C-alpha cells in the first residue's frame, strides 16, 4: 500500500517512511473481515473512527503563513505537498520542497485534483 501511495502521485521514494505511516493510519480506519467488518480503530476504542478529515496522499496543500509583521501584499499561504497525519494531534504533515523541510499544520487548504 505504501508503494502505491508513492507511485500514484509521483512522490519520491525518500518519503517511504511517511507513506508507511499514512498507510497504517488508513488501514486502522478501514473495515476488515478479521474483525467482522469492524475497523481496528473501532475494535480498540469502541467507537467508529472519524474519516471526514482524510485527504489524498501527495496532493497540493496550501499552508497558511503565520509570521509577525507580514506586509499586506505578502503571500498568505505556501504551496506544499501533503504527506500524512501527525500522531497525537489534529495536524497534517506537509513537505515544503523549497526549503526541504517537513511541517505540521492545521491551517491547510487542499487541492486534491493536483499532485
PDB file of N, CA and C in Angstrom:
ATOM      1  N   UNK A   1       0.826  -1.193   0.000  1.00  0.00           N
ATOM      2  CA  UNK A   1       0.000   0.000   0.000  1.00  0.00           C
ATOM      3  C   UNK A   1       0.870   1.257   0.000  1.00  0.00           C
ATOM      4  N   UNK A   2       1.972   1.219   0.743  1.00  0.00           N
ATOM      5  CA  UNK A   2       2.868   2.377   0.783  1.00  0.00           C
ATOM      6  C   UNK A   2       3.459   2.646  -0.595  1.00  0.00           C
ATOM      7  N   UNK A   3       3.831   1.590  -1.306  1.00  0.00           N
ATOM      8  CA  UNK A   3       4.378   1.761  -2.650  1.00  0.00           C
ATOM      9  C   UNK A   3       3.339   2.373  -3.581  1.00  0.00           C
ATOM     10  N   UNK A   4       2.090   1.950  -3.457  1.00  0.00           N
ATOM     11  CA  UNK A   4       1.014   2.509  -4.289  1.00  0.00           C
ATOM     12  C   UNK A   4       0.792   3.987  -3.983  1.00  0.00           C
ATOM     13  N   UNK A   5       0.863   4.362  -2.694  1.00  0.00           N
ATOM     14  CA  UNK A   5       0.713   5.774  -2.338  1.00  0.00           C
ATOM     15  C   UNK A   5       1.805   6.614  -2.989  1.00  0.00           C
ATOM     16  N   UNK A   6       3.030   6.111  -2.951  1.00  0.00           N
ATOM     17  CA  UNK A   6       4.155   6.845  -3.535  1.00  0.00           C
ATOM     18  C   UNK A   6       4.047   6.946  -5.050  1.00  0.00           C
ATOM     19  N   UNK A   7       3.761   5.834  -5.698  1.00  0.00           N
ATOM     20  CA  UNK A   7       3.752   5.788  -7.161  1.00  0.00           C
ATOM     21  C   UNK A   7       2.552   6.505  -7.766  1.00  0.00           C
ATOM     22  N   UNK A   8       1.400   6.475  -7.097  1.00  0.00           N
ATOM     23  CA  UNK A   8       0.185   7.073  -7.654  1.00  0.00           C
ATOM     24  C   UNK A   8       0.321   8.579  -7.841  1.00  0.00           C
ATOM     25  N   UNK A   9       1.058   9.239  -6.968  1.00  0.00           N
ATOM     26  CA  UNK A   9       1.218  10.696  -7.059  1.00  0.00           C
ATOM     27  C   UNK A   9       2.624  11.127  -7.441  1.00  0.00           C
ATOM     28  N   UNK A  10       3.499  10.170  -7.728  1.00  0.00           N
ATOM     29  CA  UNK A  10       4.849  10.520  -8.152  1.00  0.00           C
ATOM     30  C   UNK A  10       5.706  11.102  -7.034  1.00  0.00           C
ATOM     31  N   UNK A  11       5.443  10.695  -5.805  1.00  0.00           N
ATOM     32  CA  UNK A  11       6.229  11.166  -4.660  1.00  0.00           C
ATOM     33  C   UNK A  11       7.538  10.376  -4.627  1.00  0.00           C
ATOM     34  N   UNK A  12       8.683  11.029  -4.415  1.00  0.00           N
ATOM     35  CA  UNK A  12       9.967  10.322  -4.388  1.00  0.00           C
ATOM     36  C   UNK A  12      10.014   9.257  -3.286  1.00  0.00           C
ATOM     37  N   UNK A  13      10.778   8.201  -3.545  1.00  0.00           N
ATOM     38  CA  UNK A  13      10.856   7.093  -2.593  1.00  0.00           C
ATOM     39  C   UNK A  13      11.571   7.469  -1.296  1.00  0.00           C
ATOM     40  N   UNK A  14      12.170   8.644  -1.222  1.00  0.00           N
ATOM     41  CA  UNK A  14      12.788   9.078   0.036  1.00  0.00           C
ATOM     42  C   UNK A  14      11.737   9.298   1.121  1.00  0.00           C
ATOM     43  N   UNK A  15      10.478   9.419   0.731  1.00  0.00           N
ATOM     44  CA  UNK A  15       9.390   9.613   1.684  1.00  0.00           C
ATOM     45  C   UNK A  15       8.681   8.299   2.007  1.00  0.00           C
ATOM     46  N   UNK A  16       9.389   7.168   1.907  1.00  0.00           N
ATOM     47  CA  UNK A  16       8.764   5.874   2.157  1.00  0.00           C
ATOM     48  C   UNK A  16       8.276   5.757   3.600  1.00  0.00           C
ATOM     49  N   UNK A  17       8.962   6.361   4.544  1.00  0.00           N
ATOM     50  CA  UNK A  17       8.543   6.310   5.945  1.00  0.00           C
ATOM     51  C   UNK A  17       7.208   7.011   6.159  1.00  0.00           C
ATOM     52  N   UNK A  18       7.041   8.164   5.518  1.00  0.00           N
ATOM     53  CA  UNK A  18       5.779   8.892   5.600  1.00  0.00           C
ATOM     54  C   UNK A  18       4.662   8.085   4.944  1.00  0.00           C
ATOM     55  N   UNK A  19       4.968   7.420   3.835  1.00  0.00           N
ATOM     56  CA  UNK A  19       3.969   6.608   3.140  1.00  0.00           C
ATOM     57  C   UNK A  19       3.543   5.413   3.989  1.00  0.00           C
ATOM     58  N   UNK A  20       4.484   4.765   4.654  1.00  0.00           N
ATOM     59  CA  UNK A  20       4.156   3.628   5.520  1.00  0.00           C
ATOM     60  C   UNK A  20       3.295   4.090   6.694  1.00  0.00           C
ATOM     61  N   UNK A  21       3.662   5.196   7.300  1.00  0.00           N
ATOM     62  CA  UNK A  21       2.893   5.735   8.419  1.00  0.00           C
ATOM     63  C   UNK A  21       1.462   6.081   7.996  1.00  0.00           C
ATOM     64  N   UNK A  22       1.309   6.683   6.826  1.00  0.00           N
ATOM     65  CA  UNK A  22      -0.016   7.027   6.320  1.00  0.00           C
ATOM     66  C   UNK A  22      -0.804   5.773   5.958  1.00  0.00           C
ATOM     67  N   UNK A  23      -0.140   4.767   5.398  1.00  0.00           N
ATOM     68  CA  UNK A  23      -0.807   3.504   5.058  1.00  0.00           C
ATOM     69  C   UNK A  23      -1.348   2.826   6.322  1.00  0.00           C
ATOM     70  N   UNK A  24      -0.583   2.814   7.377  1.00  0.00           N
ATOM     71  CA  UNK A  24      -1.032   2.227   8.644  1.00  0.00           C
ATOM     72  C   UNK A  24      -2.218   3.013   9.195  1.00  0.00           C
ATOM     73  N   UNK A  25      -2.152   4.333   9.105  1.00  0.00           N
ATOM     74  CA  UNK A  25      -3.252   5.187   9.563  1.00  0.00           C
ATOM     75  C   UNK A  25      -4.538   4.846   8.807  1.00  0.00           C
ATOM     76  N   UNK A  26      -4.435   4.678   7.490  1.00  0.00           N
ATOM     77  CA  UNK A  26      -5.602   4.361   6.664  1.00  0.00           C
ATOM     78  C   UNK A  26      -6.118   2.957   6.975  1.00  0.00           C
ATOM     79  N   UNK A  27      -5.225   1.984   7.086  1.00  0.00           N
ATOM     80  CA  UNK A  27      -5.628   0.601   7.352  1.00  0.00           C
ATOM     81  C   UNK A  27      -6.313   0.457   8.709  1.00  0.00           C
ATOM     82  N   UNK A  28      -5.874   1.227   9.689  1.00  0.00           N
ATOM     83  CA  UNK A  28      -6.508   1.166  11.013  1.00  0.00           C
ATOM     84  C   UNK A  28      -7.915   1.746  11.000  1.00  0.00           C
ATOM     85  N   UNK A  29      -8.264   2.475   9.966  1.00  0.00           N
ATOM     86  CA  UNK A  29      -9.597   3.056   9.847  1.00  0.00           C
ATOM     87  C   UNK A  29     -10.408   2.432   8.716  1.00  0.00           C
ATOM     88  N   UNK A  30      -9.954   1.275   8.234  1.00  0.00           N
ATOM     89  CA  UNK A  30     -10.649   0.555   7.163  1.00  0.00           C
ATOM     90  C   UNK A  30     -11.224  -0.752   7.708  1.00  0.00           C
ATOM     91  N   UNK A  31     -12.448  -1.115   7.286  1.00  0.00           N
ATOM     92  CA  UNK A  31     -13.050  -2.358   7.775  1.00  0.00           C
ATOM     93  C   UNK A  31     -12.245  -3.583   7.340  1.00  0.00           C
ATOM     94  N   UNK A  32     -12.272  -4.623   8.176  1.00  0.00           N
ATOM     95  CA  UNK A  32     -11.553  -5.852   7.872  1.00  0.00           C
ATOM     96  C   UNK A  32     -12.426  -7.061   8.219  1.00  0.00           C
ATOM     97  N   UNK A  33     -12.293  -8.138   7.451  1.00  0.00           N
ATOM     98  CA  UNK A  33     -13.066  -9.362   7.701  1.00  0.00           C
ATOM     99  C   UNK A  33     -12.669 -10.013   9.017  1.00  0.00           C
ATOM    100  N   UNK A  34     -11.418  -9.852   9.415  1.00  0.00           N
ATOM    101  CA  UNK A  34     -10.930 -10.474  10.651  1.00  0.00           C
ATOM    102  C   UNK A  34     -11.689  -9.966  11.878  1.00  0.00           C
ATOM    103  N   UNK A  35     -12.222  -8.759  11.789  1.00  0.00           N
ATOM    104  CA  UNK A  35     -12.980  -8.182  12.907  1.00  0.00           C
ATOM    105  C   UNK A  35     -14.469  -8.061  12.574  1.00  0.00           C
ATOM    106  N   UNK A  36     -14.936  -8.897  11.632  1.00  0.00           N
ATOM    107  CA  UNK A  36     -16.343  -8.917  11.222  1.00  0.00           C
ATOM    108  C   UNK A  36     -16.812  -7.543  10.747  1.00  0.00           C
ATOM    109  N   UNK A  37     -16.068  -7.018   9.785  1.00  0.00           N
ATOM    110  CA  UNK A  37     -16.349  -5.719   9.144  1.00  0.00           C
ATOM    111  C   UNK A  37     -16.298  -4.530  10.093  1.00  0.00           C
ATOM    112  N   UNK A  38     -15.542  -4.649  11.161  1.00  0.00           N
ATOM    113  CA  UNK A  38     -15.230  -3.511  12.021  1.00  0.00           C
ATOM    114  C   UNK A  38     -13.833  -3.028  11.649  1.00  0.00           C
ATOM    115  N   UNK A  39     -13.534  -1.816  12.035  1.00  0.00           N
ATOM    116  CA  UNK A  39     -12.187  -1.296  11.819  1.00  0.00           C
ATOM    117  C   UNK A  39     -11.341  -1.614  13.051  1.00  0.00           C
ATOM    118  N   UNK A  40     -10.022  -1.735  12.904  1.00  0.00           N
ATOM    119  CA  UNK A  40      -9.171  -1.921  14.082  1.00  0.00           C
ATOM    120  C   UNK A  40      -9.339  -0.779  15.097  1.00  0.00           C
ATOM    121  N   UNK A  41      -9.530   0.433  14.606  1.00  0.00           N
ATOM    122  CA  UNK A  41      -9.755   1.580  15.489  1.00  0.00           C
ATOM    123  C   UNK A  41     -11.030   1.374  16.308  1.00  0.00           C
ATOM    124  N   UNK A  42     -12.078   0.908  15.642  1.00  0.00           N
ATOM    125  CA  UNK A  42     -13.357   0.678  16.308  1.00  0.00           C
ATOM    126  C   UNK A  42     -13.252  -0.441  17.346  1.00  0.00           C
ATOM    127  N   UNK A  43     -12.498  -1.493  17.036  1.00  0.00           N
ATOM    128  CA  UNK A  43     -12.314  -2.596  17.982  1.00  0.00           C
ATOM    129  C   UNK A  43     -11.538  -2.141  19.211  1.00  0.00           C
ATOM    130  N   UNK A  44     -10.590  -1.254  19.022  1.00  0.00           N
ATOM    131  CA  UNK A  44      -9.750  -0.788  20.131  1.00  0.00           C
ATOM    132  C   UNK A  44     -10.448   0.272  20.991  1.00  0.00           C
ATOM    133  N   UNK A  45     -11.072   1.261  20.341  1.00  0.00           N
ATOM    134  CA  UNK A  45     -11.663   2.395  21.051  1.00  0.00           C
ATOM    135  C   UNK A  45     -13.154   2.239  21.348  1.00  0.00           C
ATOM    136  N   UNK A  46     -13.828   1.317  20.683  1.00  0.00           N
ATOM    137  CA  UNK A  46     -15.245   1.101  20.929  1.00  0.00           C
ATOM    138  C   UNK A  46     -16.168   2.072  20.213  1.00  0.00           C
ATOM    139  N   UNK A  47     -15.648   2.859  19.282  1.00  0.00           N
ATOM    140  CA  UNK A  47     -16.468   3.792  18.512  1.00  0.00           C
ATOM    141  C   UNK A  47     -15.932   3.892  17.090  1.00  0.00           C
ATOM    142  N   UNK A  48     -16.798   4.268  16.183  1.00  0.00           N
ATOM    143  CA  UNK A  48     -16.382   4.391  14.789  1.00  0.00           C
ATOM    144  C   UNK A  48     -15.408   5.559  14.634  1.00  0.00           C
ATOM    145  N   UNK A  49     -14.392   5.387  13.787  1.00  0.00           N
ATOM    146  CA  UNK A  49     -13.424   6.474  13.599  1.00  0.00           C
ATOM    147  C   UNK A  49     -13.981   7.580  12.710  1.00  0.00           C
ATOM    148  N   UNK A  50     -13.550   8.791  12.959  1.00  0.00           N
ATOM    149  CA  UNK A  50     -13.888   9.913  12.085  1.00  0.00           C
ATOM    150  C   UNK A  50     -12.970   9.855  10.867  1.00  0.00           C
ATOM    151  N   UNK A  51     -13.534  10.036   9.702  1.00  0.00           N
ATOM    152  CA  UNK A  51     -12.729   9.997   8.478  1.00  0.00           C
ATOM    153  C   UNK A  51     -12.951  11.239   7.612  1.00  0.00           C
ATOM    154  N   UNK A  52     -13.706  12.206   8.117  1.00  0.00           N
ATOM    155  CA  UNK A  52     -14.024  13.389   7.327  1.00  0.00           C
ATOM    156  C   UNK A  52     -12.801  14.259   7.024  1.00  0.00           C
ATOM    157  N   UNK A  53     -11.752  14.124   7.792  1.00  0.00           N
ATOM    158  CA  UNK A  53     -10.562  14.958   7.640  1.00  0.00           C
ATOM    159  C   UNK A  53      -9.513  14.328   6.728  1.00  0.00           C
ATOM    160  N   UNK A  54      -9.730  13.108   6.277  1.00  0.00           N
ATOM    161  CA  UNK A  54      -8.718  12.405   5.489  1.00  0.00           C
ATOM    162  C   UNK A  54      -8.593  13.011   4.094  1.00  0.00           C
ATOM    163  N   UNK A  55      -7.365  13.103   3.615  1.00  0.00           N
ATOM    164  CA  UNK A  55      -7.059  13.716   2.322  1.00  0.00           C
ATOM    165  C   UNK A  55      -6.224  12.769   1.465  1.00  0.00           C
ATOM    166  N   UNK A  56      -6.066  13.111   0.201  1.00  0.00           N
ATOM    167  CA  UNK A  56      -5.318  12.307  -0.757  1.00  0.00           C
ATOM    168  C   UNK A  56      -3.813  12.502  -0.557  1.00  0.00           C
ATOM    169  N   UNK A  57      -3.104  11.404  -0.355  1.00  0.00           N
ATOM    170  CA  UNK A  57      -1.669  11.434  -0.160  1.00  0.00           C
ATOM    171  C   UNK A  57      -0.980  12.046  -1.382  1.00  0.00           C
ATOM    172  N   UNK A  58      -0.063  12.979  -1.152  1.00  0.00           N
ATOM    173  CA  UNK A  58       0.708  13.582  -2.228  1.00  0.00           C
ATOM    174  C   UNK A  58       0.039  14.745  -2.924  1.00  0.00           C
ATOM    175  N   UNK A  59      -1.132  15.163  -2.455  1.00  0.00           N
ATOM    176  CA  UNK A  59      -1.814  16.282  -3.116  1.00  0.00           C
ATOM    177  C   UNK A  59      -1.190  17.613  -2.701  1.00  0.00           C
ATOM    178  N   UNK A  60      -1.543  18.657  -3.424  1.00  0.00           N
ATOM    179  CA  UNK A  60      -1.048  20.004  -3.129  1.00  0.00           C
ATOM    180  C   UNK A  60      -1.768  20.541  -1.895  1.00  0.00           C
ATOM    181  N   UNK A  61      -1.003  21.112  -0.988  1.00  0.00           N
ATOM    182  CA  UNK A  61      -1.561  21.697   0.232  1.00  0.00           C
ATOM    183  C   UNK A  61      -1.088  23.141   0.334  1.00  0.00           C
ATOM    184  N   UNK A  62      -2.022  24.043   0.510  1.00  0.00           N
ATOM    185  CA  UNK A  62      -1.696  25.456   0.695  1.00  0.00           C
ATOM    186  C   UNK A  62      -1.745  25.743   2.190  1.00  0.00           C
ATOM    187  N   UNK A  63      -0.574  25.957   2.781  1.00  0.00           N
ATOM    188  CA  UNK A  63      -0.450  26.137   4.222  1.00  0.00           C
ATOM    189  C   UNK A  63      -0.410  27.619   4.550  1.00  0.00           C
ATOM    190  N   UNK A  64      -1.222  28.020   5.509  1.00  0.00           N
ATOM    191  CA  UNK A  64      -1.296  29.422   5.911  1.00  0.00           C
ATOM    192  C   UNK A  64       0.026  29.865   6.525  1.00  0.00           C
ATOM    193  N   UNK A  65       0.499  31.009   6.096  1.00  0.00           N
ATOM    194  CA  UNK A  65       1.744  31.582   6.618  1.00  0.00           C
ATOM    195  C   UNK A  65       1.393  32.455   7.817  1.00  0.00           C
ATOM    196  N   UNK A  66       1.972  32.141   8.948  1.00  0.00           N
ATOM    197  CA  UNK A  66       1.742  32.944  10.157  1.00  0.00           C
ATOM    198  C   UNK A  66       3.092  33.451  10.648  1.00  0.00           C
ATOM    199  N   UNK A  67       3.371  34.678  10.322  1.00  0.00           N
ATOM    200  CA  UNK A  67       4.610  35.285  10.806  1.00  0.00           C
ATOM    201  C   UNK A  67       4.299  36.716  11.227  1.00  0.00           C
ATOM    202  N   UNK A  68       4.971  37.181  12.233  1.00  0.00           N
ATOM    203  CA  UNK A  68       4.700  38.541  12.695  1.00  0.00           C
ATOM    204  C   UNK A  68       5.186  39.590  11.695  1.00  0.00           C
ATOM    205  N   UNK A  69       4.519  40.702  11.671  1.00  0.00           N
ATOM    206  CA  UNK A  69       4.897  41.857  10.858  1.00  0.00           C
ATOM    207  C   UNK A  69       4.931  41.549   9.366  1.00  0.00           C
ATOM    208  N   UNK A  70       4.004  40.713   8.901  1.00  0.00           N
ATOM    209  CA  UNK A  70       3.928  40.425   7.472  1.00  0.00           C
ATOM    210  C   UNK A  70       3.331  41.628   6.756  1.00  0.00           C
ATOM    211  N   UNK A  71       3.867  41.946   5.606  1.00  0.00           N
ATOM    212  CA  UNK A  71       3.360  43.059   4.817  1.00  0.00           C
ATOM    213  C   UNK A  71       2.010  42.694   4.203  1.00  0.00           C
ATOM    214  N   UNK A  72       1.249  43.677   3.883  1.00  0.00           N
ATOM    215  CA  UNK A  72      -0.100  43.465   3.369  1.00  0.00           C
ATOM    216  C   UNK A  72      -0.110  42.686   2.054  1.00  0.00           C
ATOM    217  N   UNK A  73       0.881  42.893   1.222  1.00  0.00           N
ATOM    218  CA  UNK A  73       0.907  42.245  -0.087  1.00  0.00           C
ATOM    219  C   UNK A  73       1.723  40.950  -0.127  1.00  0.00           C
ATOM    220  N   UNK A  74       2.237  40.506   1.005  1.00  0.00           N
ATOM    221  CA  UNK A  74       2.951  39.229   1.054  1.00  0.00           C
ATOM    222  C   UNK A  74       1.972  38.078   0.846  1.00  0.00           C
ATOM    223  N   UNK A  75       2.516  36.935   0.418  1.00  0.00           N
ATOM    224  CA  UNK A  75       1.683  35.742   0.263  1.00  0.00           C
ATOM    225  C   UNK A  75       1.136  35.309   1.620  1.00  0.00           C
ATOM    226  N   UNK A  76      -0.109  34.846   1.617  1.00  0.00           N
ATOM    227  CA  UNK A  76      -0.733  34.390   2.848  1.00  0.00           C
ATOM    228  C   UNK A  76      -0.667  32.875   2.989  1.00  0.00           C
ATOM    229  N   UNK A  77      -0.149  32.188   1.966  1.00  0.00           N
ATOM    230  CA  UNK A  77      -0.005  30.739   2.044  1.00  0.00           C
ATOM    231  C   UNK A  77       1.216  30.293   1.245  1.00  0.00           C
ATOM    232  N   UNK A  78       1.675  29.091   1.577  1.00  0.00           N
ATOM    233  CA  UNK A  78       2.795  28.478   0.861  1.00  0.00           C
ATOM    234  C   UNK A  78       2.319  27.164   0.263  1.00  0.00           C
ATOM    235  N   UNK A  79       2.784  26.865  -0.945  1.00  0.00           N
ATOM    236  CA  UNK A  79       2.407  25.638  -1.628  1.00  0.00           C
ATOM    237  C   UNK A  79       3.317  24.502  -1.144  1.00  0.00           C
ATOM    238  N   UNK A  80       2.707  23.449  -0.603  1.00  0.00           N
ATOM    239  CA  UNK A  80       3.456  22.305  -0.088  1.00  0.00           C
ATOM    240  C   UNK A  80       2.794  21.010  -0.548  1.00  0.00           C
ATOM    241  N   UNK A  81       3.364  19.875  -0.141  1.00  0.00           N
ATOM    242  CA  UNK A  81       2.857  18.555  -0.521  1.00  0.00           C
ATOM    243  C   UNK A  81       2.382  17.836   0.735  1.00  0.00           C
ATOM    244  N   UNK A  82       1.155  17.309   0.701  1.00  0.00           N
ATOM    245  CA  UNK A  82       0.597  16.583   1.842  1.00  0.00           C
ATOM    246  C   UNK A  82       1.220  15.190   1.933  1.00  0.00           C
ATOM    247  N   UNK A  83       1.745  14.836   3.126  1.00  0.00           N
ATOM    248  CA  UNK A  83       2.392  13.543   3.313  1.00  0.00           C
ATOM    249  C   UNK A  83       1.766  12.676   4.395  1.00  0.00           C
ATOM    250  N   UNK A  84       0.832  13.196   5.174  1.00  0.00           N
ATOM    251  CA  UNK A  84       0.218  12.329   6.175  1.00  0.00           C
ATOM    252  C   UNK A  84      -0.352  13.102   7.346  1.00  0.00           C
ATOM    253  N   UNK A  85      -0.558  12.364   8.425  1.00  0.00           N
ATOM    254  CA  UNK A  85      -1.223  12.890   9.609  1.00  0.00           C
ATOM    255  C   UNK A  85      -0.263  12.842  10.793  1.00  0.00           C
ATOM    256  N   UNK A  86      -0.279  13.877  11.609  1.00  0.00           N
ATOM    257  CA  UNK A  86       0.586  13.941  12.786  1.00  0.00           C
ATOM    258  C   UNK A  86      -0.040  13.113  13.910  1.00  0.00           C
ATOM    259  N   UNK A  87       0.689  12.124  14.431  1.00  0.00           N
ATOM    260  CA  UNK A  87       0.128  11.320  15.520  1.00  0.00           C
ATOM    261  C   UNK A  87      -0.060  12.146  16.789  1.00  0.00           C
ATOM    262  N   UNK A  88      -1.185  11.942  17.435  1.00  0.00           N
ATOM    263  CA  UNK A  88      -1.448  12.620  18.695  1.00  0.00           C
ATOM    264  C   UNK A  88      -1.948  14.043  18.564  1.00  0.00           C
ATOM    265  N   UNK A  89      -2.227  14.500  17.352  1.00  0.00           N
ATOM    266  CA  UNK A  89      -2.752  15.859  17.161  1.00  0.00           C
ATOM    267  C   UNK A  89      -3.669  15.868  15.939  1.00  0.00           C
ATOM    268  N   UNK A  90      -4.260  17.003  15.675  1.00  0.00           N
ATOM    269  CA  UNK A  90      -5.137  17.145  14.518  1.00  0.00           C
ATOM    270  C   UNK A  90      -4.413  17.800  13.354  1.00  0.00           C
ATOM    271  N   UNK A  91      -3.097  17.767  13.380  1.00  0.00           N
ATOM    272  CA  UNK A  91      -2.302  18.407  12.352  1.00  0.00           C
ATOM    273  C   UNK A  91      -2.019  17.515  11.162  1.00  0.00           C
ATOM    274  N   UNK A  92      -1.721  18.144  10.054  1.00  0.00           N
ATOM    275  CA  UNK A  92      -1.332  17.454   8.825  1.00  0.00           C
ATOM    276  C   UNK A  92       0.175  17.614   8.635  1.00  0.00           C
ATOM    277  N   UNK A  93       0.831  16.561   8.140  1.00  0.00           N
ATOM    278  CA  UNK A  93       2.259  16.622   7.846  1.00  0.00           C
ATOM    279  C   UNK A  93       2.412  17.024   6.378  1.00  0.00           C
ATOM    280  N   UNK A  94       3.078  18.135   6.151  1.00  0.00           N
ATOM    281  CA  UNK A  94       3.263  18.659   4.802  1.00  0.00           C
ATOM    282  C   UNK A  94       4.750  18.937   4.567  1.00  0.00           C
ATOM    283  N   UNK A  95       5.162  18.774   3.318  1.00  0.00           N
ATOM    284  CA  UNK A  95       6.557  18.957   2.939  1.00  0.00           C
ATOM    285  C   UNK A  95       6.699  20.199   2.068  1.00  0.00           C
ATOM    286  N   UNK A  96       7.665  21.031   2.429  1.00  0.00           N
ATOM    287  CA  UNK A  96       7.963  22.240   1.664  1.00  0.00           C
ATOM    288  C   UNK A  96       9.137  21.936   0.739  1.00  0.00           C
ATOM    289  N   UNK A  97       8.910  21.803  -0.577  1.00  0.00           N
ATOM    290  CA  UNK A  97      10.008  21.478  -1.487  1.00  0.00           C
ATOM    291  C   UNK A  97      11.023  22.609  -1.648  1.00  0.00           C
ATOM    292  N   UNK A  98      10.648  23.828  -1.351  1.00  0.00           N
ATOM    293  CA  UNK A  98      11.567  24.964  -1.488  1.00  0.00           C
ATOM    294  C   UNK A  98      12.647  24.908  -0.408  1.00  0.00           C
ATOM    295  N   UNK A  99      12.216  24.713   0.846  1.00  0.00           N
ATOM    296  CA  UNK A  99      13.178  24.675   1.953  1.00  0.00           C
ATOM    297  C   UNK A  99      13.575  23.254   2.345  1.00  0.00           C
ATOM    298  N   UNK A 100      12.987  22.247   1.705  1.00  0.00           N
ATOM    299  CA  UNK A 100      13.246  20.828   2.007  1.00  0.00           C
ATOM    300  C   UNK A 100      13.004  20.505   3.477  1.00  0.00           C
ATOM    301  N   UNK A 101      11.896  21.026   4.016  1.00  0.00           N
ATOM    302  CA  UNK A 101      11.547  20.799   5.424  1.00  0.00           C
ATOM    303  C   UNK A 101      10.132  20.248   5.533  1.00  0.00           C
ATOM    304  N   UNK A 102       9.934  19.450   6.572  1.00  0.00           N
ATOM    305  CA  UNK A 102       8.630  18.898   6.882  1.00  0.00           C
ATOM    306  C   UNK A 102       7.969  19.771   7.942  1.00  0.00           C
ATOM    307  N   UNK A 103       6.717  20.130   7.745  1.00  0.00           N
ATOM    308  CA  UNK A 103       5.984  20.983   8.675  1.00  0.00           C
ATOM    309  C   UNK A 103       4.728  20.255   9.140  1.00  0.00           C
ATOM    310  N   UNK A 104       4.221  20.650  10.297  1.00  0.00           N
ATOM    311  CA  UNK A 104       2.939  20.163  10.795  1.00  0.00           C
ATOM    312  C   UNK A 104       2.050  21.383  10.956  1.00  0.00           C
ATOM    313  N   UNK A 105       0.863  21.321  10.348  1.00  0.00           N
ATOM    314  CA  UNK A 105      -0.038  22.471  10.397  1.00  0.00           C
ATOM    315  C   UNK A 105      -1.485  22.008  10.364  1.00  0.00           C
ATOM    316  N   UNK A 106      -2.343  22.800  10.987  1.00  0.00           N
ATOM    317  CA  UNK A 106      -3.779  22.568  10.914  1.00  0.00           C
ATOM    318  C   UNK A 106      -4.436  23.529   9.933  1.00  0.00           C
ATOM    319  N   UNK A 107      -3.777  24.633   9.630  1.00  0.00           N
ATOM    320  CA  UNK A 107      -4.320  25.647   8.735  1.00  0.00           C
ATOM    321  C   UNK A 107      -3.907  25.338   7.298  1.00  0.00           C
ATOM    322  N   UNK A 108      -4.619  24.390   6.700  1.00  0.00           N
ATOM    323  CA  UNK A 108      -4.254  23.897   5.369  1.00  0.00           C
ATOM    324  C   UNK A 108      -5.510  23.847   4.493  1.00  0.00           C
ATOM    325  N   UNK A 109      -5.347  24.262   3.242  1.00  0.00           N
ATOM    326  CA  UNK A 109      -6.385  24.116   2.225  1.00  0.00           C
ATOM    327  C   UNK A 109      -5.809  23.178   1.169  1.00  0.00           C
ATOM    328  N   UNK A 110      -6.559  22.125   0.849  1.00  0.00           N
ATOM    329  CA  UNK A 110      -6.060  21.084  -0.053  1.00  0.00           C
ATOM    330  C   UNK A 110      -6.616  21.241  -1.457  1.00  0.00           C
ATOM    331  N   UNK A 111      -5.772  20.927  -2.441  1.00  0.00           N
ATOM    332  CA  UNK A 111      -6.183  20.836  -3.831  1.00  0.00           C
ATOM    333  C   UNK A 111      -5.923  19.380  -4.238  1.00  0.00           C
ATOM    334  N   UNK A 112      -6.916  18.527  -4.036  1.00  0.00           N
ATOM    335  CA  UNK A 112      -6.730  17.089  -4.235  1.00  0.00           C
ATOM    336  C   UNK A 112      -6.750  16.687  -5.702  1.00  0.00           C
ATOM    337  N   UNK A 113      -7.064  17.604  -6.598  1.00  0.00           N
ATOM    338  CA  UNK A 113      -7.067  17.280  -8.027  1.00  0.00           C
ATOM    339  C   UNK A 113      -5.668  17.361  -8.608  1.00  0.00           C
ATOM    340  N   UNK A 114      -4.746  18.032  -7.915  1.00  0.00           N
ATOM    341  CA  UNK A 114      -3.372  18.186  -8.395  1.00  0.00           C
ATOM    342  C   UNK A 114      -2.420  17.530  -7.416  1.00  0.00           C
ATOM    343  N   UNK A 115      -1.315  17.050  -7.946  1.00  0.00           N
ATOM    344  CA  UNK A 115      -0.350  16.444  -7.051  1.00  0.00           C
ATOM    345  C   UNK A 115       0.934  16.098  -7.687  1.00  0.00           C
TER     346      UNK A 115
END
